Amino acid sequence: MKLVINSTKLGRSLEFTRPGSEYIYVDLNNQPGTLGIQPNKDGHTLTYTGDDYDEFSRICQQWYRWYTA
């Protein structure tokens, strides 16, 4: 799965991916896929194991809003 958020706050696009079956990555370090950073909040790594794109998108957008707040 992949989601791109065009961030005006960061001045660039962020690409969230889930290349495997669970862990989510974001290219905050300008590296794609598994070379990116595993986003976390309060010590918990962002994960999603389902196949619903809308839920994946919701999880990523929620983290993005927390990160840029």
C-alpha atoms as a PDB file:
ATOM      1  CA  MET A   1       0.000   0.000   0.000  1.00  0.00           C
ATOM      2  CA  LYS A   2       1.100   3.546  -0.633  1.00  0.00           C
ATOM      3  CA  LEU A   3      -0.189   6.991   0.324  1.00  0.00           C
ATOM      4  CA  VAL A   4       1.310  10.336  -0.664  1.00  0.00           C
ATOM      5  CA  ILE A   5       0.574  13.426   1.432  1.00  0.00           C
ATOM      6  CA  ASN A   6       1.544  16.784  -0.050  1.00  0.00           C
ATOM      7  CA  SER A   7       2.676  18.623   3.062  1.00  0.00           C
ATOM      8  CA  THR A   8       2.635  22.397   2.971  1.00  0.00           C
ATOM      9  CA  LYS A   9       3.938  22.433   6.558  1.00  0.00           C
ATOM     10  CA  LEU A  10       7.052  20.459   5.593  1.00  0.00           C
ATOM     11  CA  GLY A  11       7.321  21.905   2.095  1.00  0.00           C
ATOM     12  CA  ARG A  12       7.419  18.499   0.400  1.00  0.00           C
ATOM     13  CA  SER A  13       5.504  15.319  -0.257  1.00  0.00           C
ATOM     14  CA  LEU A  14       5.632  12.413   2.166  1.00  0.00           C
ATOM     15  CA  GLU A  15       5.193   8.880   0.887  1.00  0.00           C
ATOM     16  CA  PHE A  16       3.831   6.307   3.319  1.00  0.00           C
ATOM     17  CA  THR A  17       4.261   2.685   2.280  1.00  0.00           C
ATOM     18  CA  ARG A  18       3.582  -0.741   3.685  1.00  0.00           C
ATOM     19  CA  PRO A  19       5.831  -2.993   1.613  1.00  0.00           C
ATOM     20  CA  GLY A  20       5.193  -6.082   3.725  1.00  0.00           C
ATOM     21  CA  SER A  21       2.251  -7.244   5.758  1.00  0.00           C
ATOM     22  CA  GLU A  22       2.512  -5.018   8.823  1.00  0.00           C
ATOM     23  CA  TYR A  23       5.098  -2.230   9.198  1.00  0.00           C
ATOM     24  CA  ILE A  24       4.513   1.229   7.736  1.00  0.00           C
ATOM     25  CA  TYR A  25       7.383   3.385   6.477  1.00  0.00           C
ATOM     26  CA  VAL A  26       7.560   7.092   5.589  1.00  0.00           C
ATOM     27  CA  ASP A  27      10.262   8.787   3.533  1.00  0.00           C
ATOM     28  CA  LEU A  28      11.107  11.505   6.082  1.00  0.00           C
ATOM     29  CA  ASN A  29      14.786  10.806   5.373  1.00  0.00           C
ATOM     30  CA  ASN A  30      14.226  11.047   1.587  1.00  0.00           C
ATOM     31  CA  GLN A  31      14.603   7.265   1.262  1.00  0.00           C
ATOM     32  CA  PRO A  32      11.777   5.190  -0.254  1.00  0.00           C
ATOM     33  CA  GLY A  33      10.163   2.026   1.075  1.00  0.00           C
ATOM     34  CA  THR A  34      12.006   0.045   3.736  1.00  0.00           C
ATOM     35  CA  LEU A  35      14.901   2.515   3.619  1.00  0.00           C
ATOM     36  CA  GLY A  36      12.531   5.126   5.023  1.00  0.00           C
ATOM     37  CA  ILE A  37      11.708   5.711   8.666  1.00  0.00           C
ATOM     38  CA  GLN A  38       9.238   3.649  10.645  1.00  0.00           C
ATOM     39  CA  PRO A  39       6.967   6.290  12.133  1.00  0.00           C
ATOM     40  CA  ASN A  40       6.119   5.903  15.791  1.00  0.00           C
ATOM     41  CA  LYS A  41       4.111   7.673  18.431  1.00  0.00           C
ATOM     42  CA  ASP A  42       4.621   7.332  22.165  1.00  0.00           C
ATOM     43  CA  GLY A  43       7.131   4.530  21.594  1.00  0.00           C
ATOM     44  CA  HIS A  44       4.800   2.457  19.411  1.00  0.00           C
ATOM     45  CA  THR A  45       5.715   1.754  15.789  1.00  0.00           C
ATOM     46  CA  LEU A  46       2.972   2.455  13.262  1.00  0.00           C
ATOM     47  CA  THR A  47       1.583  -0.805  11.853  1.00  0.00           C
ATOM     48  CA  TYR A  48      -1.402  -2.018   9.863  1.00  0.00           C
ATOM     49  CA  THR A  49      -2.143  -5.614   8.875  1.00  0.00           C
ATOM     50  CA  GLY A  50      -5.396  -5.263   6.940  1.00  0.00           C
ATOM     51  CA  ASP A  51      -6.146  -4.704   3.259  1.00  0.00           C
ATOM     52  CA  ASP A  52      -8.522  -1.722   3.544  1.00  0.00           C
ATOM     53  CA  TYR A  53      -6.844   1.245   1.834  1.00  0.00           C
ATOM     54  CA  ASP A  54      -9.147   3.745   3.572  1.00  0.00           C
ATOM     55  CA  GLU A  55      -8.066   2.454   6.996  1.00  0.00           C
ATOM     56  CA  PHE A  56      -4.386   2.545   5.977  1.00  0.00           C
ATOM     57  CA  SER A  57      -4.891   6.121   4.788  1.00  0.00           C
ATOM     58  CA  ARG A  58      -6.654   7.093   8.037  1.00  0.00           C
ATOM     59  CA  ILE A  59      -3.791   5.694  10.152  1.00  0.00           C
ATOM     60  CA  CYS A  60      -1.136   7.527   8.121  1.00  0.00           C
ATOM     61  CA  GLN A  61      -3.036  10.826   8.055  1.00  0.00           C
ATOM     62  CA  GLN A  62      -3.676  10.664  11.789  1.00  0.00           C
ATOM     63  CA  TRP A  63       0.048  10.166  12.441  1.00  0.00           C
ATOM     64  CA  TYR A  64       0.912  12.980  10.009  1.00  0.00           C
ATOM     65  CA  ARG A  65      -1.427  15.398  11.826  1.00  0.00           C
ATOM     66  CA  TRP A  66       0.168  14.450  15.163  1.00  0.00           C
ATOM     67  CA  TYR A  67       3.688  14.799  13.720  1.00  0.00           C
ATOM     68  CA  THR A  68       3.090  18.241  12.224  1.00  0.00           C
ATOM     69  CA  ALA A  69       1.049  19.663  15.109  1.00  0.00           C
END
